């Protein structure tokens, strides 16, 4: 899940799109799961790779 999410973020997809592609119906559930794995929120991670 984490690697796919990272790839989609690097491609510039929105967090809503990414969470739905990974089967999450609620973006906050995706955000919590992502933060548990990476230690960062998806938004902070996405900003860091796009800078």
PDB file of N, CA and C in Angstrom:
ATOM      1  N   UNK A   1       0.822  -1.185   0.000  1.00  0.00           N
ATOM      2  CA  UNK A   1       0.000   0.000   0.000  1.00  0.00           C
ATOM      3  C   UNK A   1       0.866   1.249   0.000  1.00  0.00           C
ATOM      4  N   UNK A   2       1.858   1.287   0.868  1.00  0.00           N
ATOM      5  CA  UNK A   2       2.703   2.467   1.006  1.00  0.00           C
ATOM      6  C   UNK A   2       3.440   2.779  -0.288  1.00  0.00           C
ATOM      7  N   UNK A   3       4.028   1.775  -0.916  1.00  0.00           N
ATOM      8  CA  UNK A   3       4.809   2.035  -2.135  1.00  0.00           C
ATOM      9  C   UNK A   3       3.918   2.501  -3.281  1.00  0.00           C
ATOM     10  N   UNK A   4       2.726   1.939  -3.394  1.00  0.00           N
ATOM     11  CA  UNK A   4       1.795   2.365  -4.444  1.00  0.00           C
ATOM     12  C   UNK A   4       1.351   3.801  -4.193  1.00  0.00           C
ATOM     13  N   UNK A   5       1.050   4.114  -2.944  1.00  0.00           N
ATOM     14  CA  UNK A   5       0.644   5.480  -2.599  1.00  0.00           C
ATOM     15  C   UNK A   5       1.757   6.464  -2.939  1.00  0.00           C
ATOM     16  N   UNK A   6       2.981   6.108  -2.626  1.00  0.00           N
ATOM     17  CA  UNK A   6       4.120   6.990  -2.916  1.00  0.00           C
ATOM     18  C   UNK A   6       4.283   7.209  -4.413  1.00  0.00           C
ATOM     19  N   UNK A   7       4.140   6.138  -5.184  1.00  0.00           N
ATOM     20  CA  UNK A   7       4.254   6.266  -6.643  1.00  0.00           C
ATOM     21  C   UNK A   7       3.180   7.194  -7.195  1.00  0.00           C
ATOM     22  N   UNK A   8       1.943   7.036  -6.716  1.00  0.00           N
ATOM     23  CA  UNK A   8       0.854   7.880  -7.195  1.00  0.00           C
ATOM     24  C   UNK A   8       1.063   9.337  -6.789  1.00  0.00           C
ATOM     25  N   UNK A   9       1.620   9.558  -5.603  1.00  0.00           N
ATOM     26  CA  UNK A   9       1.908  10.931  -5.170  1.00  0.00           C
ATOM     27  C   UNK A   9       2.981  11.554  -6.046  1.00  0.00           C
ATOM     28  N   UNK A  10       3.995  10.770  -6.382  1.00  0.00           N
ATOM     29  CA  UNK A  10       5.071  11.271  -7.237  1.00  0.00           C
ATOM     30  C   UNK A  10       4.548  11.646  -8.618  1.00  0.00           C
ATOM     31  N   UNK A  11       3.490  10.975  -9.054  1.00  0.00           N
ATOM     32  CA  UNK A  11       2.874  11.290 -10.346  1.00  0.00           C
ATOM     33  C   UNK A  11       1.964  12.508 -10.256  1.00  0.00           C
ATOM     34  N   UNK A  12       1.751  13.019  -9.037  1.00  0.00           N
ATOM     35  CA  UNK A  12       0.974  14.241  -8.860  1.00  0.00           C
ATOM     36  C   UNK A  12      -0.517  14.051  -8.661  1.00  0.00           C
ATOM     37  N   UNK A  13      -0.948  12.828  -8.380  1.00  0.00           N
ATOM     38  CA  UNK A  13      -2.374  12.576  -8.154  1.00  0.00           C
ATOM     39  C   UNK A  13      -2.822  13.160  -6.819  1.00  0.00           C
ATOM     40  N   UNK A  14      -4.109  13.459  -6.728  1.00  0.00           N
ATOM     41  CA  UNK A  14      -4.656  14.001  -5.485  1.00  0.00           C
ATOM     42  C   UNK A  14      -4.767  12.896  -4.437  1.00  0.00           C
ATOM     43  N   UNK A  15      -4.808  13.314  -3.187  1.00  0.00           N
ATOM     44  CA  UNK A  15      -4.944  12.337  -2.104  1.00  0.00           C
ATOM     45  C   UNK A  15      -6.296  11.637  -2.162  1.00  0.00           C
ATOM     46  N   UNK A  16      -7.313  12.338  -2.613  1.00  0.00           N
ATOM     47  CA  UNK A  16      -8.633  11.721  -2.766  1.00  0.00           C
ATOM     48  C   UNK A  16      -8.569  10.596  -3.796  1.00  0.00           C
ATOM     49  N   UNK A  17      -7.926  10.855  -4.916  1.00  0.00           N
ATOM     50  CA  UNK A  17      -7.775   9.844  -5.964  1.00  0.00           C
ATOM     51  C   UNK A  17      -6.976   8.650  -5.449  1.00  0.00           C
ATOM     52  N   UNK A  18      -5.868   8.934  -4.784  1.00  0.00           N
ATOM     53  CA  UNK A  18      -4.993   7.875  -4.285  1.00  0.00           C
ATOM     54  C   UNK A  18      -5.725   7.001  -3.278  1.00  0.00           C
ATOM     55  N   UNK A  19      -6.409   7.628  -2.339  1.00  0.00           N
ATOM     56  CA  UNK A  19      -7.108   6.844  -1.320  1.00  0.00           C
ATOM     57  C   UNK A  19      -8.193   5.978  -1.947  1.00  0.00           C
ATOM     58  N   UNK A  20      -8.905   6.496  -2.934  1.00  0.00           N
ATOM     59  CA  UNK A  20      -9.948   5.689  -3.578  1.00  0.00           C
ATOM     60  C   UNK A  20      -9.349   4.545  -4.391  1.00  0.00           C
ATOM     61  N   UNK A  21      -8.203   4.769  -5.034  1.00  0.00           N
ATOM     62  CA  UNK A  21      -7.546   3.711  -5.798  1.00  0.00           C
ATOM     63  C   UNK A  21      -7.056   2.580  -4.903  1.00  0.00           C
ATOM     64  N   UNK A  22      -6.766   2.920  -3.658  1.00  0.00           N
ATOM     65  CA  UNK A  22      -6.295   1.907  -2.711  1.00  0.00           C
ATOM     66  C   UNK A  22      -7.435   1.277  -1.920  1.00  0.00           C
ATOM     67  N   UNK A  23      -8.668   1.643  -2.244  1.00  0.00           N
ATOM     68  CA  UNK A  23      -9.825   1.014  -1.627  1.00  0.00           C
ATOM     69  C   UNK A  23     -10.358   1.688  -0.378  1.00  0.00           C
ATOM     70  N   UNK A  24      -9.862   2.866  -0.066  1.00  0.00           N
ATOM     71  CA  UNK A  24     -10.352   3.598   1.100  1.00  0.00           C
ATOM     72  C   UNK A  24     -11.557   4.436   0.690  1.00  0.00           C
ATOM     73  N   UNK A  25     -12.638   4.326   1.445  1.00  0.00           N
ATOM     74  CA  UNK A  25     -13.816   5.145   1.175  1.00  0.00           C
ATOM     75  C   UNK A  25     -13.767   6.447   1.956  1.00  0.00           C
ATOM     76  N   UNK A  26     -12.857   6.522   2.913  1.00  0.00           N
ATOM     77  CA  UNK A  26     -12.714   7.715   3.746  1.00  0.00           C
ATOM     78  C   UNK A  26     -11.246   8.136   3.724  1.00  0.00           C
ATOM     79  N   UNK A  27     -10.985   9.353   3.275  1.00  0.00           N
ATOM     80  CA  UNK A  27      -9.606   9.817   3.145  1.00  0.00           C
ATOM     81  C   UNK A  27      -8.895   9.879   4.492  1.00  0.00           C
ATOM     82  N   UNK A  28      -9.629  10.122   5.563  1.00  0.00           N
ATOM     83  CA  UNK A  28      -8.974  10.188   6.876  1.00  0.00           C
ATOM     84  C   UNK A  28      -8.458   8.817   7.300  1.00  0.00           C
ATOM     85  N   UNK A  29      -9.139   7.747   6.907  1.00  0.00           N
ATOM     86  CA  UNK A  29      -8.639   6.398   7.202  1.00  0.00           C
ATOM     87  C   UNK A  29      -7.342   6.138   6.446  1.00  0.00           C
ATOM     88  N   UNK A  30      -7.302   6.571   5.193  1.00  0.00           N
ATOM     89  CA  UNK A  30      -6.079   6.445   4.407  1.00  0.00           C
ATOM     90  C   UNK A  30      -4.948   7.245   5.043  1.00  0.00           C
ATOM     91  N   UNK A  31      -5.247   8.470   5.441  1.00  0.00           N
ATOM     92  CA  UNK A  31      -4.225   9.336   6.045  1.00  0.00           C
ATOM     93  C   UNK A  31      -3.643   8.719   7.308  1.00  0.00           C
ATOM     94  N   UNK A  32      -4.507   8.156   8.152  1.00  0.00           N
ATOM     95  CA  UNK A  32      -4.025   7.522   9.383  1.00  0.00           C
ATOM     96  C   UNK A  32      -3.152   6.307   9.085  1.00  0.00           C
ATOM     97  N   UNK A  33      -3.576   5.497   8.123  1.00  0.00           N
ATOM     98  CA  UNK A  33      -2.796   4.308   7.763  1.00  0.00           C
ATOM     99  C   UNK A  33      -1.445   4.712   7.176  1.00  0.00           C
ATOM    100  N   UNK A  34      -1.437   5.727   6.342  1.00  0.00           N
ATOM    101  CA  UNK A  34      -0.195   6.209   5.734  1.00  0.00           C
ATOM    102  C   UNK A  34       0.750   6.737   6.806  1.00  0.00           C
ATOM    103  N   UNK A  35       0.215   7.506   7.742  1.00  0.00           N
ATOM    104  CA  UNK A  35       1.046   8.080   8.805  1.00  0.00           C
ATOM    105  C   UNK A  35       1.614   6.995   9.714  1.00  0.00           C
ATOM    106  N   UNK A  36       0.834   5.946   9.961  1.00  0.00           N
ATOM    107  CA  UNK A  36       1.325   4.828  10.783  1.00  0.00           C
ATOM    108  C   UNK A  36       2.552   4.183  10.148  1.00  0.00           C
ATOM    109  N   UNK A  37       2.562   4.079   8.836  1.00  0.00           N
ATOM    110  CA  UNK A  37       3.662   3.430   8.122  1.00  0.00           C
ATOM    111  C   UNK A  37       4.852   4.370   7.930  1.00  0.00           C
ATOM    112  N   UNK A  38       4.575   5.611   7.541  1.00  0.00           N
ATOM    113  CA  UNK A  38       5.661   6.520   7.159  1.00  0.00           C
ATOM    114  C   UNK A  38       6.100   7.486   8.254  1.00  0.00           C
ATOM    115  N   UNK A  39       5.218   7.738   9.202  1.00  0.00           N
ATOM    116  CA  UNK A  39       5.517   8.733  10.223  1.00  0.00           C
ATOM    117  C   UNK A  39       5.159  10.146   9.791  1.00  0.00           C
ATOM    118  N   UNK A  40       4.708  10.294   8.550  1.00  0.00           N
ATOM    119  CA  UNK A  40       4.308  11.594   8.005  1.00  0.00           C
ATOM    120  C   UNK A  40       2.880  11.505   7.493  1.00  0.00           C
ATOM    121  N   UNK A  41       2.189  12.629   7.511  1.00  0.00           N
ATOM    122  CA  UNK A  41       0.877  12.639   6.871  1.00  0.00           C
ATOM    123  C   UNK A  41       1.095  12.595   5.361  1.00  0.00           C
ATOM    124  N   UNK A  42       0.117  12.119   4.610  1.00  0.00           N
ATOM    125  CA  UNK A  42       0.276  12.081   3.158  1.00  0.00           C
ATOM    126  C   UNK A  42       0.553  13.460   2.559  1.00  0.00           C
ATOM    127  N   UNK A  43      -0.091  14.488   3.085  1.00  0.00           N
ATOM    128  CA  UNK A  43       0.095  15.837   2.555  1.00  0.00           C
ATOM    129  C   UNK A  43       1.529  16.316   2.760  1.00  0.00           C
ATOM    130  N   UNK A  44       2.080  16.088   3.940  1.00  0.00           N
ATOM    131  CA  UNK A  44       3.464  16.496   4.208  1.00  0.00           C
ATOM    132  C   UNK A  44       4.424  15.694   3.331  1.00  0.00           C
ATOM    133  N   UNK A  45       4.184  14.402   3.190  1.00  0.00           N
ATOM    134  CA  UNK A  45       5.031  13.574   2.329  1.00  0.00           C
ATOM    135  C   UNK A  45       4.962  14.079   0.893  1.00  0.00           C
ATOM    136  N   UNK A  46       3.762  14.345   0.418  1.00  0.00           N
ATOM    137  CA  UNK A  46       3.581  14.798  -0.960  1.00  0.00           C
ATOM    138  C   UNK A  46       4.290  16.130  -1.186  1.00  0.00           C
ATOM    139  N   UNK A  47       4.179  17.042  -0.247  1.00  0.00           N
ATOM    140  CA  UNK A  47       4.871  18.332  -0.380  1.00  0.00           C
ATOM    141  C   UNK A  47       6.381  18.135  -0.440  1.00  0.00           C
ATOM    142  N   UNK A  48       6.897  17.211   0.366  1.00  0.00           N
ATOM    143  CA  UNK A  48       8.349  17.005   0.409  1.00  0.00           C
ATOM    144  C   UNK A  48       8.887  16.441  -0.902  1.00  0.00           C
ATOM    145  N   UNK A  49       8.118  15.605  -1.582  1.00  0.00           N
ATOM    146  CA  UNK A  49       8.620  15.039  -2.837  1.00  0.00           C
ATOM    147  C   UNK A  49       8.401  15.971  -4.017  1.00  0.00           C
ATOM    148  N   UNK A  50       7.452  16.892  -3.899  1.00  0.00           N
ATOM    149  CA  UNK A  50       7.175  17.801  -5.007  1.00  0.00           C
ATOM    150  C   UNK A  50       8.034  19.055  -4.957  1.00  0.00           C
ATOM    151  N   UNK A  51       8.711  19.288  -3.853  1.00  0.00           N
ATOM    152  CA  UNK A  51       9.581  20.476  -3.736  1.00  0.00           C
ATOM    153  C   UNK A  51      10.913  20.269  -4.401  1.00  0.00           C
TER     154      UNK A  51
END
